[in-house]
Every structure is written in structure tokens, then in C-alpha cells.
Protein backbone atom coordinates (compact mmCIF):
# COMPACT_ATOMS: atom_id res chain seq x y z
CA UNK A 1 21.11 -10.19 -20.73
CA UNK A 2 20.89 -6.52 -21.76
CA UNK A 3 19.47 -3.85 -19.49
CA UNK A 4 16.60 -3.21 -21.91
CA UNK A 5 15.48 -6.84 -21.65
CA UNK A 6 13.58 -6.11 -18.49
CA UNK A 7 13.11 -2.39 -18.86
CA UNK A 8 9.57 -2.03 -17.69
CA UNK A 9 8.04 1.27 -16.93
CA UNK A 10 5.03 0.91 -14.72
CA UNK A 11 3.39 4.18 -13.94
CA UNK A 12 0.61 4.05 -11.48
CA UNK A 13 -1.77 6.88 -11.18
CA UNK A 14 -3.43 7.04 -7.82
CA UNK A 15 -6.25 9.31 -6.93
CA UNK A 16 -8.13 9.75 -3.75
CA UNK A 17 -11.85 9.33 -4.17
CA UNK A 18 -14.37 10.21 -1.52
CA UNK A 19 -17.39 7.94 -1.48
CA UNK A 20 -20.60 9.37 -0.13
CA UNK A 21 -23.12 7.20 1.69
CA UNK A 22 -25.93 8.32 -0.60
CA UNK A 23 -24.93 7.21 -4.07
CA UNK A 24 -27.21 7.72 -7.03
CA UNK A 25 -28.66 4.67 -8.81
CA UNK A 26 -26.25 5.31 -11.68
CA UNK A 27 -23.24 5.41 -9.36
CA UNK A 28 -24.38 2.20 -7.65
CA UNK A 29 -24.75 0.54 -11.05
CA UNK A 30 -21.24 1.65 -12.05
CA UNK A 31 -19.88 0.36 -8.74
CA UNK A 32 -21.54 -3.03 -9.29
CA UNK A 33 -20.13 -3.28 -12.85
CA UNK A 34 -16.66 -2.27 -11.63
CA UNK A 35 -16.78 -4.84 -8.80
CA UNK A 36 -17.87 -7.59 -11.19
CA UNK A 37 -15.12 -6.76 -13.67
CA UNK A 38 -12.44 -6.34 -10.99
CA UNK A 39 -13.33 -9.64 -9.34
CA UNK A 40 -12.46 -11.30 -12.64
CA UNK A 41 -8.98 -9.76 -12.63
CA UNK A 42 -6.48 -12.59 -12.93
CA UNK A 43 -3.88 -12.99 -10.21
CA UNK A 44 -0.28 -13.27 -11.32
CA UNK A 45 -0.23 -16.84 -10.02
CA UNK A 46 -3.25 -17.80 -12.15
CA UNK A 47 -1.49 -16.59 -15.31
CA UNK A 48 2.13 -17.51 -14.55
CA UNK A 49 1.54 -20.76 -12.67
CA UNK A 50 3.59 -19.47 -9.72
CA UNK A 51 3.60 -16.51 -7.36
CA UNK A 52 6.11 -13.83 -8.37
CA UNK A 53 9.02 -13.90 -5.96
CA UNK A 54 8.91 -17.67 -5.46
CA UNK A 55 12.42 -19.08 -5.31
CA UNK A 56 13.87 -20.38 -8.58
CA UNK A 57 11.10 -18.89 -10.70
CA UNK A 58 11.30 -15.86 -12.95
CA UNK A 59 8.70 -14.46 -15.30
CA UNK A 60 10.32 -13.40 -18.55
CA UNK A 61 9.41 -10.39 -20.69
CA UNK A 62 6.74 -12.30 -22.63
CA UNK A 63 5.17 -13.54 -19.36
CA UNK A 64 5.12 -10.03 -17.90
CA UNK A 65 3.63 -8.35 -20.95
CA UNK A 66 1.08 -11.17 -21.30
CA UNK A 67 0.04 -10.73 -17.68
CA UNK A 68 -0.45 -6.99 -18.09
CA UNK A 69 -2.45 -7.51 -21.29
CA UNK A 70 -4.75 -9.95 -19.47
CA UNK A 71 -5.10 -7.67 -16.45
CA UNK A 72 -5.87 -4.75 -18.77
CA UNK A 73 -8.58 -6.76 -20.55
CA UNK A 74 -10.21 -7.69 -17.25
CA UNK A 75 -10.31 -4.34 -15.44
CA UNK A 76 -11.66 -0.88 -16.09
CA UNK A 77 -9.17 0.41 -13.51
CA UNK A 78 -6.14 -0.31 -15.69
CA UNK A 79 -4.98 1.00 -19.03
CA UNK A 80 -1.83 -0.35 -20.67
CA UNK A 81 -0.24 1.72 -23.43
CA UNK A 82 2.97 1.25 -25.36
CA UNK A 83 5.34 4.18 -24.98
CA UNK A 84 7.83 3.06 -27.61
CA UNK A 85 10.44 0.38 -28.22
CA UNK A 86 13.63 -0.52 -26.41
CA UNK A 87 16.91 -0.62 -28.29
CA UNK A 88 16.27 -4.36 -28.56
CA UNK A 89 12.92 -3.76 -30.21
CA UNK A 90 10.83 -4.79 -27.22
CA UNK A 91 7.84 -2.68 -26.21
CA UNK A 92 8.18 -0.26 -23.33
CA UNK A 93 4.83 0.28 -21.74
CA UNK A 94 3.03 2.19 -19.07
CA UNK A 95 0.27 0.75 -16.91
CA UNK A 96 -2.07 3.43 -15.60
CA UNK A 97 -4.12 2.42 -12.58
CA UNK A 98 -6.88 4.68 -11.32
CA UNK A 99 -10.62 4.97 -10.94
CA UNK A 100 -12.45 4.20 -14.20
CA UNK A 101 -13.74 7.77 -14.48
CA UNK A 102 -10.17 9.13 -14.22
CA UNK A 103 -8.99 6.78 -16.94
CA UNK A 104 -11.84 7.98 -19.15
CA UNK A 105 -10.66 11.56 -18.57
CA UNK A 106 -6.96 10.74 -18.87
CA UNK A 107 -6.28 13.22 -21.68
CA UNK A 108 -7.77 16.01 -19.56
CA UNK A 109 -5.48 15.17 -16.62
CA UNK A 110 -2.43 14.85 -18.88
CA UNK A 111 -3.15 18.33 -20.26
CA UNK A 112 -3.45 19.75 -16.74
CA UNK A 113 -0.14 18.13 -15.73
CA UNK A 114 1.53 19.42 -18.89
CA UNK A 115 0.39 22.96 -18.23
CA UNK A 116 1.44 22.87 -14.57
CA UNK A 117 4.87 21.51 -15.54
CA UNK A 118 5.62 24.49 -17.78
CA UNK A 119 5.10 27.92 -16.19
CA UNK A 120 4.87 29.49 -19.66
CA UNK A 121 1.57 27.64 -20.18
CA UNK A 122 -0.12 29.12 -17.10
CA UNK A 123 -1.38 32.69 -17.06
CA UNK A 124 -1.10 33.77 -13.47
CA UNK A 125 -1.60 32.51 -9.95
CA UNK A 126 -5.39 32.17 -10.22
CA UNK A 127 -5.14 29.84 -13.23
CA UNK A 128 -2.41 27.82 -11.54
CA UNK A 129 -4.59 27.35 -8.44
CA UNK A 130 -7.56 26.38 -10.61
CA UNK A 131 -5.47 23.76 -12.47
CA UNK A 132 -4.17 22.34 -9.20
CA UNK A 133 -7.73 22.08 -7.90
CA UNK A 134 -8.91 20.34 -11.10
CA UNK A 135 -5.95 17.97 -11.36
CA UNK A 136 -5.12 14.67 -9.70
CA UNK A 137 -2.15 13.50 -7.70
CA UNK A 138 0.16 11.34 -9.81
CA UNK A 139 2.54 8.71 -8.42
CA UNK A 140 5.00 7.09 -10.81
CA UNK A 141 6.80 3.81 -10.11
CA UNK A 142 9.46 2.65 -12.59
CA UNK A 143 10.35 -1.03 -12.48
CA UNK A 144 13.57 -2.73 -13.58
CA UNK A 145 15.90 -0.29 -15.16
CA UNK A 146 18.94 -2.60 -14.90
CA UNK A 147 18.92 -6.21 -16.12
CA UNK A 148 20.57 -7.53 -12.97
CA UNK A 149 17.86 -5.95 -10.80
CA UNK A 150 14.88 -8.12 -11.72
CA UNK A 151 12.88 -8.12 -8.49
CA UNK A 152 10.88 -5.03 -9.48
CA UNK A 153 9.81 -6.57 -12.78
CA UNK A 154 8.60 -9.61 -10.87
CA UNK A 155 6.77 -7.75 -8.11
CA UNK A 156 5.15 -5.18 -10.41
CA UNK A 157 2.59 -7.77 -11.54
CA UNK A 158 1.50 -8.43 -7.96
CA UNK A 159 1.47 -4.71 -7.13
CA UNK A 160 -0.68 -3.94 -10.17
CA UNK A 161 -3.09 -6.75 -9.29
CA UNK A 162 -3.39 -5.57 -5.67
CA UNK A 163 -4.12 -2.00 -6.79
CA UNK A 164 -6.65 -3.08 -9.44
CA UNK A 165 -8.45 -5.45 -7.07
CA UNK A 166 -8.36 -3.14 -4.02
CA UNK A 167 -11.47 -1.59 -2.63
């Protein structure tokens, strides 16, 4: 098995969101829609027929990508995008997990990150501070870089489900 067989890049974008006790009717409606859609998120076990990590069971590439496609279709907290192809022609993808409003504004946050990553794109300390204030914290988790290290590719499905379904 080649190392690219299980090369799976799972990037999770986390943001901290403060919820206020007095939500507007629109915010309550969005919360209800999000809860209804998230409750329909399939568990890895419901798609694979076994819990990832169970002895003598391994989800293959097709199983993993199928699970992420189904999770993506069921949740407004997840966005799966193909980044390119492996040397074996398999898709390399990123799964972005965040609040629905952050996913809707993803291009804005990518631009902020891009500008902060290159000092030539920021004109002074005040702009840098403003970009930091406007941006979001990003956490990236890469799963299964080497073919003989398959645990991460197995657990990433459960991790993604837990993050999508979490309150």
C-alpha cells in the first residue's frame, strides 16, 4: 500500500462563539434549523456498519470519502472541498468544521489569514491588529500521512462527527 493511499488531510477550523441569553427571533430560528440538520448527521457506525477503531475492521479510502460526503450533505457546520489529487490519482480533501456563519464567510477569513501570513500584505501595526481582531483562530489536524499509520484516517471520521454534532 502506498503512502498516498490513505493521505487524508482533515483541517478543522474551530472558532469560539459566545451565545447571549437574549437571542433574536432570527438567531433562534437559525439555531433550530442547525440543530435539526445536525441531529441528522450520520454517525460513522451508521455508514460503515462498525465503529472506527473496532478490532479487525478498517475503513478504506472509498468508505472514508463516502462518510465525509454524507456528513457534509447532512450538516451546515461542515464543508468538504477537494484540494487536488494524490500521485495515485485519489482526491486529497479538506474538511472545514465551524459555525455555519463562519463557513459562509470562509473566503473572508482565508483572505485575513493570507494577509496576516505575509507581512508585505499588511500596512502597519494598526492594520495588523485590526485583521487579528476580525479573524478567527484556526486549528489544523492532518490525518494519515504514512500508509502504515492508519489510525488517524480511521478516527478522523469519529472526530469530525463529534465536532459537527457538538453543542
